[in-house]
Amino acid sequence: MGWLDMAATTLENKYIRLRPLVRGDRASLHSIAVNPSIWRYTVDRIETDADFDAYFEDALREHQAGRRAVFHITDKRSGRAAGSRSFCNMAEADSRLEIGKAWLGQEFQGRGINRWVDFLLMGHAFEQMKAERVEFKTHVLNQQARRALRNIGATEEGILRSYDPTPGGGRHDVVFFSILQDEWPSVKQRLTCGSRESEHPDTSA
């Protein structure tokens, strides 16, 4: 079984459920996504219903085409949609992938959800898909995300200048982080046993 088939699965623990995005998720995600503060450090901007429709259709199209595995996040404590995250840039031949396109509705930030999303996605990537490298990237100005990634044991590798365009016509500088297969056991322990939550609500540039 290849990575595209393995990636599109349901992952869960007692706190959250991750499952592949479907068209029926539009309403539940729309209700929490139309908030410009969520998208401050990302290449997406969702300020209107039209912005959300374009974003959702693009995510669904990429998911169905196998270009990325897009996950719908459910907060089990409330039973509500909390946001989305993806496996991106899956390079199976090189045994590496990115966890990105990350966002949470504002009311779900700071509640430990990001920690468990990372725990489940990295566990699946390293233990089932046998990835050797998992990447993250974030806007160079997103100090909260950079600090949170360092806190779980990710290595900050460097800044790529003018990496991608912004909706306003500018360019983003992004910082790359990575975790390797042999580093996963210690990262897993940090995520499982950490008593203090370090949230990073919008790690993806």
N, C-alpha and C. Protein backbone atom coordinates (compact mmCIF):
# COMPACT_ATOMS: atom_id res chain seq x y z
N MET A 1 0.84 -1.20 0.00
CA MET A 1 0.00 0.00 0.00
C MET A 1 0.88 1.25 0.00
N GLY A 2 0.58 2.19 -0.90
CA GLY A 2 1.37 3.40 -1.00
C GLY A 2 0.95 4.46 0.00
N TRP A 3 1.75 5.52 0.08
CA TRP A 3 1.50 6.58 1.05
C TRP A 3 0.15 7.26 0.85
N LEU A 4 -0.26 7.46 -0.39
CA LEU A 4 -1.52 8.16 -0.63
C LEU A 4 -2.68 7.40 -0.01
N ASP A 5 -2.65 6.07 -0.11
CA ASP A 5 -3.70 5.25 0.49
C ASP A 5 -3.56 5.21 2.01
N MET A 6 -2.34 5.14 2.50
CA MET A 6 -2.12 5.06 3.94
C MET A 6 -2.45 6.37 4.65
N ALA A 7 -2.22 7.49 3.96
CA ALA A 7 -2.41 8.78 4.60
C ALA A 7 -3.88 9.09 4.86
N ALA A 8 -4.73 8.67 3.96
CA ALA A 8 -6.16 9.01 4.05
C ALA A 8 -6.87 8.03 4.97
N THR A 9 -6.72 8.23 6.27
CA THR A 9 -7.30 7.33 7.26
C THR A 9 -7.83 8.13 8.43
N THR A 10 -8.55 7.48 9.32
CA THR A 10 -9.06 8.13 10.53
C THR A 10 -8.13 7.83 11.70
N LEU A 11 -7.76 8.87 12.42
CA LEU A 11 -6.88 8.75 13.58
C LEU A 11 -7.60 9.41 14.75
N GLU A 12 -7.51 8.82 15.93
CA GLU A 12 -8.19 9.43 17.06
C GLU A 12 -7.63 8.96 18.39
N ASN A 13 -7.87 9.77 19.41
CA ASN A 13 -7.66 9.39 20.80
C ASN A 13 -8.88 9.89 21.58
N LYS A 14 -8.78 9.98 22.88
CA LYS A 14 -9.98 10.37 23.64
C LYS A 14 -10.29 11.86 23.54
N TYR A 15 -9.36 12.64 22.95
CA TYR A 15 -9.55 14.08 22.87
C TYR A 15 -10.03 14.55 21.50
N ILE A 16 -9.49 13.97 20.43
CA ILE A 16 -9.78 14.46 19.08
C ILE A 16 -9.95 13.30 18.10
N ARG A 17 -10.58 13.60 16.98
CA ARG A 17 -10.66 12.67 15.86
C ARG A 17 -10.21 13.39 14.60
N LEU A 18 -9.33 12.76 13.84
CA LEU A 18 -8.91 13.25 12.53
C LEU A 18 -9.43 12.28 11.49
N ARG A 19 -10.10 12.82 10.47
CA ARG A 19 -10.58 11.96 9.39
C ARG A 19 -10.48 12.72 8.08
N PRO A 20 -10.44 12.00 6.97
CA PRO A 20 -10.32 12.67 5.67
C PRO A 20 -11.47 13.64 5.41
N LEU A 21 -11.14 14.77 4.82
CA LEU A 21 -12.12 15.80 4.49
C LEU A 21 -13.13 15.29 3.47
N VAL A 22 -14.40 15.66 3.67
CA VAL A 22 -15.47 15.35 2.71
C VAL A 22 -16.27 16.62 2.44
N ARG A 23 -17.03 16.60 1.36
CA ARG A 23 -17.79 17.80 0.98
C ARG A 23 -18.77 18.22 2.07
N GLY A 24 -19.30 17.27 2.81
CA GLY A 24 -20.24 17.59 3.87
C GLY A 24 -19.66 18.37 5.03
N ASP A 25 -18.32 18.56 5.04
CA ASP A 25 -17.67 19.31 6.13
C ASP A 25 -17.75 20.82 5.92
N ARG A 26 -18.26 21.25 4.79
CA ARG A 26 -18.24 22.68 4.46
C ARG A 26 -18.88 23.53 5.57
N ALA A 27 -20.07 23.20 5.98
CA ALA A 27 -20.80 24.05 6.93
C ALA A 27 -20.10 24.12 8.28
N SER A 28 -19.64 22.98 8.79
CA SER A 28 -19.05 22.97 10.13
C SER A 28 -17.74 23.74 10.16
N LEU A 29 -16.95 23.67 9.08
CA LEU A 29 -15.69 24.42 9.04
C LEU A 29 -15.94 25.90 8.74
N HIS A 30 -16.91 26.19 7.91
CA HIS A 30 -17.21 27.58 7.59
C HIS A 30 -17.56 28.37 8.85
N SER A 31 -18.28 27.75 9.77
CA SER A 31 -18.75 28.45 10.96
C SER A 31 -17.62 28.93 11.85
N ILE A 32 -16.42 28.34 11.73
CA ILE A 32 -15.30 28.75 12.58
C ILE A 32 -14.14 29.36 11.80
N ALA A 33 -14.20 29.32 10.47
CA ALA A 33 -13.04 29.72 9.66
C ALA A 33 -13.03 31.18 9.26
N VAL A 34 -14.20 31.81 9.18
CA VAL A 34 -14.26 33.18 8.67
C VAL A 34 -13.87 34.14 9.79
N ASN A 35 -12.57 34.23 10.01
CA ASN A 35 -11.99 35.04 11.09
C ASN A 35 -10.57 35.40 10.67
N PRO A 36 -10.31 36.62 10.24
CA PRO A 36 -8.99 36.98 9.72
C PRO A 36 -7.84 36.72 10.67
N SER A 37 -8.08 36.75 11.99
CA SER A 37 -6.98 36.55 12.94
C SER A 37 -6.39 35.15 12.85
N ILE A 38 -7.19 34.17 12.43
CA ILE A 38 -6.70 32.80 12.30
C ILE A 38 -5.62 32.70 11.22
N TRP A 39 -5.73 33.53 10.19
CA TRP A 39 -4.93 33.38 8.98
C TRP A 39 -3.78 34.38 8.91
N ARG A 40 -3.46 35.01 10.01
CA ARG A 40 -2.49 36.10 10.03
C ARG A 40 -1.15 35.71 9.41
N TYR A 41 -0.66 34.51 9.71
CA TYR A 41 0.67 34.11 9.26
C TYR A 41 0.63 33.08 8.13
N THR A 42 -0.48 32.96 7.46
CA THR A 42 -0.59 31.96 6.41
C THR A 42 -0.70 32.61 5.04
N VAL A 43 -0.62 31.80 4.00
CA VAL A 43 -0.77 32.32 2.64
C VAL A 43 -2.24 32.42 2.25
N ASP A 44 -3.13 31.94 3.11
CA ASP A 44 -4.57 32.04 2.87
C ASP A 44 -5.13 33.23 3.63
N ARG A 45 -6.20 33.80 3.10
CA ARG A 45 -6.95 34.84 3.80
C ARG A 45 -8.44 34.51 3.67
N ILE A 46 -9.10 34.31 4.80
CA ILE A 46 -10.52 34.00 4.77
C ILE A 46 -11.26 35.06 5.58
N GLU A 47 -11.79 36.02 4.85
CA GLU A 47 -12.51 37.13 5.46
C GLU A 47 -13.97 37.15 5.05
N THR A 48 -14.31 36.44 3.98
CA THR A 48 -15.67 36.45 3.45
C THR A 48 -16.11 35.03 3.13
N ASP A 49 -17.40 34.86 2.88
CA ASP A 49 -17.92 33.56 2.47
C ASP A 49 -17.26 33.10 1.18
N ALA A 50 -17.03 34.01 0.26
CA ALA A 50 -16.40 33.66 -1.01
C ALA A 50 -14.96 33.17 -0.79
N ASP A 51 -14.25 33.80 0.13
CA ASP A 51 -12.89 33.35 0.46
C ASP A 51 -12.93 31.91 0.97
N PHE A 52 -13.87 31.63 1.85
CA PHE A 52 -13.96 30.28 2.40
C PHE A 52 -14.32 29.27 1.32
N ASP A 53 -15.26 29.62 0.46
CA ASP A 53 -15.65 28.69 -0.60
C ASP A 53 -14.46 28.33 -1.48
N ALA A 54 -13.65 29.33 -1.83
CA ALA A 54 -12.48 29.07 -2.66
C ALA A 54 -11.47 28.20 -1.93
N TYR A 55 -11.25 28.50 -0.66
CA TYR A 55 -10.33 27.70 0.16
C TYR A 55 -10.80 26.25 0.26
N PHE A 56 -12.07 26.07 0.58
CA PHE A 56 -12.60 24.72 0.79
C PHE A 56 -12.56 23.91 -0.49
N GLU A 57 -12.95 24.50 -1.60
CA GLU A 57 -12.93 23.78 -2.87
C GLU A 57 -11.51 23.39 -3.27
N ASP A 58 -10.55 24.27 -3.01
CA ASP A 58 -9.16 23.95 -3.31
C ASP A 58 -8.68 22.79 -2.45
N ALA A 59 -8.99 22.82 -1.15
CA ALA A 59 -8.58 21.74 -0.25
C ALA A 59 -9.20 20.42 -0.68
N LEU A 60 -10.49 20.44 -1.01
CA LEU A 60 -11.17 19.22 -1.43
C LEU A 60 -10.61 18.70 -2.75
N ARG A 61 -10.32 19.59 -3.68
CA ARG A 61 -9.78 19.20 -4.97
C ARG A 61 -8.39 18.56 -4.80
N GLU A 62 -7.54 19.17 -3.98
CA GLU A 62 -6.20 18.62 -3.76
C GLU A 62 -6.27 17.28 -3.04
N HIS A 63 -7.20 17.17 -2.10
CA HIS A 63 -7.37 15.91 -1.38
C HIS A 63 -7.82 14.80 -2.33
N GLN A 64 -8.81 15.09 -3.14
CA GLN A 64 -9.34 14.08 -4.06
C GLN A 64 -8.33 13.70 -5.14
N ALA A 65 -7.45 14.64 -5.50
CA ALA A 65 -6.43 14.37 -6.51
C ALA A 65 -5.19 13.67 -5.92
N GLY A 66 -5.15 13.54 -4.60
CA GLY A 66 -4.02 12.88 -3.97
C GLY A 66 -2.78 13.75 -3.82
N ARG A 67 -2.94 15.06 -4.00
CA ARG A 67 -1.78 15.95 -3.84
C ARG A 67 -1.48 16.24 -2.37
N ARG A 68 -2.50 16.13 -1.53
CA ARG A 68 -2.30 16.16 -0.09
C ARG A 68 -3.44 15.44 0.60
N ALA A 69 -3.21 15.00 1.81
CA ALA A 69 -4.24 14.34 2.60
C ALA A 69 -4.76 15.37 3.61
N VAL A 70 -5.99 15.81 3.41
CA VAL A 70 -6.56 16.88 4.23
C VAL A 70 -7.43 16.25 5.32
N PHE A 71 -7.18 16.65 6.56
CA PHE A 71 -7.90 16.09 7.69
C PHE A 71 -8.85 17.11 8.31
N HIS A 72 -10.03 16.66 8.62
CA HIS A 72 -11.01 17.40 9.41
C HIS A 72 -10.76 17.04 10.87
N ILE A 73 -10.66 18.05 11.73
CA ILE A 73 -10.40 17.83 13.16
C ILE A 73 -11.69 18.01 13.94
N THR A 74 -12.05 17.00 14.73
CA THR A 74 -13.20 17.10 15.64
C THR A 74 -12.70 17.13 17.07
N ASP A 75 -13.16 18.10 17.83
CA ASP A 75 -12.90 18.17 19.26
C ASP A 75 -13.93 17.29 19.95
N LYS A 76 -13.50 16.18 20.52
CA LYS A 76 -14.44 15.23 21.10
C LYS A 76 -15.14 15.78 22.34
N ARG A 77 -14.51 16.71 23.02
CA ARG A 77 -15.13 17.25 24.23
C ARG A 77 -16.40 18.02 23.91
N SER A 78 -16.41 18.72 22.78
CA SER A 78 -17.60 19.48 22.40
C SER A 78 -18.39 18.80 21.28
N GLY A 79 -17.74 17.87 20.57
CA GLY A 79 -18.38 17.23 19.43
C GLY A 79 -18.40 18.08 18.19
N ARG A 80 -17.63 19.18 18.19
CA ARG A 80 -17.67 20.14 17.09
C ARG A 80 -16.40 20.10 16.24
N ALA A 81 -16.55 20.57 15.00
CA ALA A 81 -15.38 20.76 14.14
C ALA A 81 -14.48 21.81 14.77
N ALA A 82 -13.15 21.53 14.77
CA ALA A 82 -12.20 22.45 15.39
C ALA A 82 -11.25 23.08 14.39
N GLY A 83 -11.08 22.48 13.21
CA GLY A 83 -10.16 23.02 12.23
C GLY A 83 -9.70 21.96 11.26
N SER A 84 -8.50 22.14 10.71
CA SER A 84 -8.00 21.23 9.69
C SER A 84 -6.48 21.20 9.69
N ARG A 85 -5.94 20.11 9.22
CA ARG A 85 -4.50 19.98 8.99
C ARG A 85 -4.29 18.97 7.88
N SER A 86 -3.09 18.98 7.27
CA SER A 86 -2.84 18.13 6.10
C SER A 86 -1.46 17.48 6.15
N PHE A 87 -1.37 16.33 5.51
CA PHE A 87 -0.09 15.82 5.05
C PHE A 87 0.14 16.45 3.67
N CYS A 88 1.23 17.22 3.53
CA CYS A 88 1.53 17.91 2.28
C CYS A 88 2.88 17.42 1.74
N ASN A 89 3.12 17.72 0.48
CA ASN A 89 4.43 17.48 -0.13
C ASN A 89 4.95 16.08 0.20
N MET A 90 4.09 15.10 -0.01
CA MET A 90 4.48 13.72 0.29
C MET A 90 5.41 13.19 -0.79
N ALA A 91 6.65 12.96 -0.40
CA ALA A 91 7.67 12.44 -1.32
C ALA A 91 8.03 11.03 -0.86
N GLU A 92 7.21 10.07 -1.25
CA GLU A 92 7.39 8.71 -0.75
C GLU A 92 8.75 8.13 -1.14
N ALA A 93 9.20 8.42 -2.35
CA ALA A 93 10.49 7.89 -2.80
C ALA A 93 11.64 8.39 -1.93
N ASP A 94 11.48 9.59 -1.38
CA ASP A 94 12.51 10.16 -0.51
C ASP A 94 12.19 9.98 0.97
N SER A 95 11.06 9.36 1.27
CA SER A 95 10.63 9.05 2.63
C SER A 95 10.51 10.31 3.50
N ARG A 96 9.89 11.36 2.93
CA ARG A 96 9.67 12.57 3.71
C ARG A 96 8.32 13.18 3.33
N LEU A 97 7.75 13.91 4.28
CA LEU A 97 6.49 14.60 4.06
C LEU A 97 6.43 15.80 4.99
N GLU A 98 5.45 16.66 4.74
CA GLU A 98 5.24 17.84 5.56
C GLU A 98 3.88 17.75 6.25
N ILE A 99 3.82 18.17 7.50
CA ILE A 99 2.56 18.39 8.18
C ILE A 99 2.30 19.89 8.14
N GLY A 100 1.21 20.28 7.49
CA GLY A 100 1.00 21.71 7.29
C GLY A 100 -0.45 22.05 7.00
N LYS A 101 -0.64 23.24 6.41
CA LYS A 101 -1.98 23.78 6.15
C LYS A 101 -2.80 23.70 7.44
N ALA A 102 -2.21 24.17 8.53
CA ALA A 102 -2.77 24.00 9.87
C ALA A 102 -3.56 25.21 10.31
N TRP A 103 -4.77 24.98 10.81
CA TRP A 103 -5.53 26.05 11.43
C TRP A 103 -6.55 25.48 12.39
N LEU A 104 -6.84 26.26 13.43
CA LEU A 104 -7.90 25.95 14.38
C LEU A 104 -8.80 27.16 14.53
N GLY A 105 -10.09 26.91 14.74
CA GLY A 105 -10.98 27.99 15.09
C GLY A 105 -10.51 28.64 16.38
N GLN A 106 -10.75 29.93 16.49
CA GLN A 106 -10.20 30.69 17.62
C GLN A 106 -10.59 30.11 18.97
N GLU A 107 -11.82 29.66 19.11
CA GLU A 107 -12.27 29.15 20.41
C GLU A 107 -11.64 27.81 20.77
N PHE A 108 -10.98 27.16 19.81
CA PHE A 108 -10.35 25.87 20.07
C PHE A 108 -8.84 25.99 20.31
N GLN A 109 -8.32 27.18 20.19
CA GLN A 109 -6.89 27.39 20.42
C GLN A 109 -6.60 27.41 21.91
N GLY A 110 -5.41 26.94 22.28
CA GLY A 110 -5.00 26.94 23.68
C GLY A 110 -5.64 25.86 24.52
N ARG A 111 -6.21 24.83 23.87
CA ARG A 111 -6.90 23.77 24.61
C ARG A 111 -6.20 22.41 24.46
N GLY A 112 -5.00 22.41 23.91
CA GLY A 112 -4.26 21.16 23.77
C GLY A 112 -4.52 20.42 22.49
N ILE A 113 -5.38 20.94 21.62
CA ILE A 113 -5.74 20.22 20.41
C ILE A 113 -4.55 20.06 19.48
N ASN A 114 -3.75 21.12 19.30
CA ASN A 114 -2.60 21.02 18.41
C ASN A 114 -1.63 19.92 18.84
N ARG A 115 -1.43 19.82 20.14
CA ARG A 115 -0.51 18.79 20.63
C ARG A 115 -0.96 17.40 20.20
N TRP A 116 -2.27 17.14 20.34
CA TRP A 116 -2.77 15.81 20.00
C TRP A 116 -2.85 15.59 18.50
N VAL A 117 -3.10 16.66 17.73
CA VAL A 117 -3.05 16.53 16.27
C VAL A 117 -1.65 16.13 15.83
N ASP A 118 -0.64 16.83 16.34
CA ASP A 118 0.74 16.50 15.99
C ASP A 118 1.08 15.08 16.43
N PHE A 119 0.66 14.70 17.62
CA PHE A 119 0.93 13.36 18.14
C PHE A 119 0.37 12.29 17.20
N LEU A 120 -0.87 12.44 16.79
CA LEU A 120 -1.49 11.44 15.94
C LEU A 120 -0.90 11.42 14.53
N LEU A 121 -0.68 12.60 13.95
CA LEU A 121 -0.16 12.65 12.58
C LEU A 121 1.28 12.17 12.51
N MET A 122 2.12 12.61 13.45
CA MET A 122 3.51 12.14 13.43
C MET A 122 3.60 10.66 13.75
N GLY A 123 2.77 10.19 14.67
CA GLY A 123 2.76 8.76 14.96
C GLY A 123 2.42 7.95 13.72
N HIS A 124 1.43 8.40 12.97
CA HIS A 124 1.05 7.68 11.75
C HIS A 124 2.16 7.77 10.71
N ALA A 125 2.76 8.95 10.57
CA ALA A 125 3.82 9.13 9.57
C ALA A 125 5.04 8.27 9.88
N PHE A 126 5.47 8.28 11.12
CA PHE A 126 6.70 7.55 11.47
C PHE A 126 6.47 6.06 11.69
N GLU A 127 5.35 5.68 12.28
CA GLU A 127 5.16 4.29 12.69
C GLU A 127 4.44 3.45 11.64
N GLN A 128 3.50 4.02 10.91
CA GLN A 128 2.79 3.26 9.89
C GLN A 128 3.36 3.53 8.49
N MET A 129 3.55 4.80 8.15
CA MET A 129 4.06 5.13 6.82
C MET A 129 5.57 4.99 6.72
N LYS A 130 6.25 4.89 7.87
CA LYS A 130 7.70 4.69 7.94
C LYS A 130 8.49 5.84 7.31
N ALA A 131 7.97 7.05 7.47
CA ALA A 131 8.70 8.22 7.00
C ALA A 131 10.01 8.38 7.76
N GLU A 132 11.02 8.87 7.09
CA GLU A 132 12.31 9.15 7.73
C GLU A 132 12.40 10.60 8.18
N ARG A 133 11.58 11.46 7.60
CA ARG A 133 11.65 12.89 7.91
C ARG A 133 10.25 13.50 7.81
N VAL A 134 9.86 14.24 8.85
CA VAL A 134 8.62 15.01 8.84
C VAL A 134 9.00 16.48 8.95
N GLU A 135 8.46 17.29 8.04
CA GLU A 135 8.80 18.71 7.98
C GLU A 135 7.63 19.57 8.44
N PHE A 136 7.98 20.74 8.97
CA PHE A 136 7.02 21.80 9.27
C PHE A 136 7.62 23.09 8.73
N LYS A 137 6.76 24.03 8.35
CA LYS A 137 7.27 25.36 8.04
C LYS A 137 6.30 26.40 8.56
N THR A 138 6.83 27.57 8.91
CA THR A 138 5.99 28.64 9.42
C THR A 138 6.56 29.99 9.03
N HIS A 139 5.73 30.99 9.08
CA HIS A 139 6.16 32.36 8.77
C HIS A 139 7.28 32.76 9.73
N VAL A 140 8.27 33.46 9.21
CA VAL A 140 9.43 33.83 10.02
C VAL A 140 9.02 34.70 11.21
N LEU A 141 7.92 35.42 11.12
CA LEU A 141 7.48 36.30 12.22
C LEU A 141 6.62 35.58 13.26
N ASN A 142 6.26 34.34 12.98
CA ASN A 142 5.38 33.60 13.89
C ASN A 142 6.20 32.99 15.03
N GLN A 143 6.55 33.82 15.99
CA GLN A 143 7.40 33.37 17.08
C GLN A 143 6.72 32.33 17.95
N GLN A 144 5.42 32.41 18.11
CA GLN A 144 4.69 31.43 18.91
C GLN A 144 4.83 30.04 18.31
N ALA A 145 4.65 29.94 17.00
CA ALA A 145 4.77 28.64 16.34
C ALA A 145 6.20 28.13 16.40
N ARG A 146 7.17 29.01 16.18
CA ARG A 146 8.57 28.59 16.22
C ARG A 146 8.94 28.07 17.60
N ARG A 147 8.49 28.75 18.63
CA ARG A 147 8.78 28.33 20.00
C ARG A 147 8.13 26.99 20.31
N ALA A 148 6.88 26.81 19.87
CA ALA A 148 6.17 25.57 20.13
C ALA A 148 6.83 24.39 19.43
N LEU A 149 7.28 24.58 18.20
CA LEU A 149 7.94 23.50 17.48
C LEU A 149 9.28 23.14 18.13
N ARG A 150 10.01 24.14 18.56
CA ARG A 150 11.25 23.84 19.28
C ARG A 150 10.96 23.09 20.57
N ASN A 151 9.88 23.46 21.24
CA ASN A 151 9.55 22.84 22.53
C ASN A 151 9.21 21.36 22.42
N ILE A 152 8.71 20.92 21.27
CA ILE A 152 8.43 19.49 21.13
C ILE A 152 9.63 18.72 20.58
N GLY A 153 10.73 19.43 20.31
CA GLY A 153 11.94 18.75 19.88
C GLY A 153 12.24 18.85 18.40
N ALA A 154 11.48 19.67 17.66
CA ALA A 154 11.78 19.86 16.24
C ALA A 154 13.04 20.72 16.10
N THR A 155 13.81 20.46 15.07
CA THR A 155 15.03 21.22 14.79
C THR A 155 14.73 22.33 13.81
N GLU A 156 15.08 23.56 14.19
CA GLU A 156 14.92 24.70 13.30
C GLU A 156 16.10 24.71 12.34
N GLU A 157 15.80 24.60 11.04
CA GLU A 157 16.86 24.37 10.06
C GLU A 157 17.30 25.64 9.33
N GLY A 158 16.43 26.61 9.19
CA GLY A 158 16.85 27.81 8.50
C GLY A 158 15.70 28.53 7.83
N ILE A 159 15.99 29.73 7.35
CA ILE A 159 15.00 30.59 6.73
C ILE A 159 15.14 30.54 5.21
N LEU A 160 14.02 30.33 4.54
CA LEU A 160 13.97 30.42 3.08
C LEU A 160 13.31 31.75 2.73
N ARG A 161 14.05 32.62 2.12
CA ARG A 161 13.57 33.97 1.83
C ARG A 161 12.63 33.98 0.63
N SER A 162 11.63 34.86 0.71
CA SER A 162 10.67 35.07 -0.38
C SER A 162 10.15 33.73 -0.90
N TYR A 163 9.69 32.89 0.02
CA TYR A 163 9.34 31.50 -0.32
C TYR A 163 8.05 31.39 -1.10
N ASP A 164 7.03 32.17 -0.68
CA ASP A 164 5.76 32.08 -1.40
C ASP A 164 5.00 33.40 -1.32
N PRO A 165 4.02 33.59 -2.21
CA PRO A 165 3.31 34.87 -2.27
C PRO A 165 2.25 34.98 -1.18
N THR A 166 1.96 36.22 -0.78
CA THR A 166 0.88 36.49 0.16
C THR A 166 -0.31 37.04 -0.59
N PRO A 167 -1.50 36.93 -0.01
CA PRO A 167 -2.70 37.44 -0.69
C PRO A 167 -2.62 38.94 -1.00
N GLY A 168 -1.87 39.69 -0.21
CA GLY A 168 -1.77 41.12 -0.44
C GLY A 168 -0.76 41.53 -1.48
N GLY A 169 -0.11 40.56 -2.10
CA GLY A 169 0.84 40.85 -3.16
C GLY A 169 2.29 40.84 -2.72
N GLY A 170 2.56 40.58 -1.44
CA GLY A 170 3.94 40.50 -0.96
C GLY A 170 4.47 39.09 -1.03
N ARG A 171 5.53 38.83 -0.28
CA ARG A 171 6.15 37.51 -0.24
C ARG A 171 6.43 37.13 1.21
N HIS A 172 6.32 35.84 1.50
CA HIS A 172 6.62 35.31 2.82
C HIS A 172 8.06 34.80 2.90
N ASP A 173 8.74 35.10 4.01
CA ASP A 173 9.93 34.35 4.40
C ASP A 173 9.46 33.27 5.36
N VAL A 174 9.92 32.03 5.17
CA VAL A 174 9.47 30.94 6.03
C VAL A 174 10.65 30.26 6.71
N VAL A 175 10.36 29.63 7.85
CA VAL A 175 11.35 28.87 8.60
C VAL A 175 10.98 27.40 8.50
N PHE A 176 11.95 26.57 8.16
CA PHE A 176 11.73 25.13 8.10
C PHE A 176 12.20 24.47 9.39
N PHE A 177 11.40 23.49 9.84
CA PHE A 177 11.73 22.63 10.97
C PHE A 177 11.61 21.18 10.51
N SER A 178 12.28 20.29 11.22
CA SER A 178 12.12 18.88 10.91
C SER A 178 12.26 18.02 12.16
N ILE A 179 11.67 16.84 12.07
CA ILE A 179 11.85 15.77 13.06
C ILE A 179 12.17 14.51 12.26
N LEU A 180 13.19 13.78 12.69
CA LEU A 180 13.63 12.58 11.99
C LEU A 180 13.13 11.32 12.69
N GLN A 181 13.14 10.23 11.95
CA GLN A 181 12.64 8.96 12.47
C GLN A 181 13.28 8.59 13.81
N ASP A 182 14.60 8.73 13.92
CA ASP A 182 15.25 8.31 15.18
C ASP A 182 15.03 9.31 16.32
N GLU A 183 14.47 10.47 16.00
CA GLU A 183 14.14 11.46 17.03
C GLU A 183 12.70 11.31 17.53
N TRP A 184 11.89 10.57 16.78
CA TRP A 184 10.48 10.45 17.11
C TRP A 184 10.23 9.91 18.52
N PRO A 185 10.94 8.88 19.00
CA PRO A 185 10.63 8.40 20.36
C PRO A 185 10.71 9.48 21.43
N SER A 186 11.70 10.35 21.37
CA SER A 186 11.81 11.40 22.39
C SER A 186 10.74 12.47 22.18
N VAL A 187 10.43 12.78 20.92
CA VAL A 187 9.35 13.74 20.65
C VAL A 187 8.02 13.17 21.12
N LYS A 188 7.79 11.91 20.86
CA LYS A 188 6.56 11.25 21.29
C LYS A 188 6.41 11.32 22.81
N GLN A 189 7.50 11.11 23.51
CA GLN A 189 7.46 11.19 24.97
C GLN A 189 7.11 12.60 25.44
N ARG A 190 7.70 13.61 24.78
CA ARG A 190 7.37 15.00 25.14
C ARG A 190 5.90 15.29 24.93
N LEU A 191 5.36 14.85 23.79
CA LEU A 191 3.96 15.11 23.48
C LEU A 191 3.03 14.36 24.42
N THR A 192 3.42 13.17 24.83
CA THR A 192 2.57 12.36 25.69
C THR A 192 2.63 12.80 27.14
N CYS A 193 3.82 13.18 27.59
CA CYS A 193 4.02 13.43 29.02
C CYS A 193 4.10 14.90 29.39
N GLY A 194 4.19 15.79 28.38
CA GLY A 194 4.33 17.20 28.70
C GLY A 194 3.17 17.72 29.53
N SER A 195 3.46 18.36 30.63
CA SER A 195 2.40 18.85 31.51
C SER A 195 1.94 20.24 31.11
N ARG A 196 2.73 20.92 30.32
CA ARG A 196 2.37 22.29 29.93
C ARG A 196 2.17 22.34 28.42
N GLU A 197 1.00 22.74 28.00
CA GLU A 197 0.68 22.77 26.57
C GLU A 197 1.33 23.96 25.88
N SER A 198 2.00 23.68 24.76
CA SER A 198 2.53 24.74 23.91
C SER A 198 1.76 24.72 22.60
N GLU A 199 0.86 25.64 22.45
CA GLU A 199 0.00 25.66 21.28
C GLU A 199 0.67 26.39 20.13
N HIS A 200 0.44 25.95 18.92
CA HIS A 200 0.86 26.70 17.73
C HIS A 200 -0.28 26.66 16.74
N PRO A 201 -1.20 27.62 16.83
CA PRO A 201 -2.45 27.57 16.09
C PRO A 201 -2.32 27.72 14.59
N ASP A 202 -1.21 28.25 14.08
CA ASP A 202 -1.10 28.42 12.64
C ASP A 202 0.35 28.25 12.22
N THR A 203 0.83 27.00 12.32
CA THR A 203 2.24 26.76 12.03
C THR A 203 2.55 26.86 10.56
N SER A 204 1.59 26.66 9.69
CA SER A 204 1.90 26.60 8.27
C SER A 204 1.98 27.99 7.67
N ALA A 205 3.01 28.23 6.88
CA ALA A 205 3.11 29.51 6.18
C ALA A 205 2.20 29.52 4.97
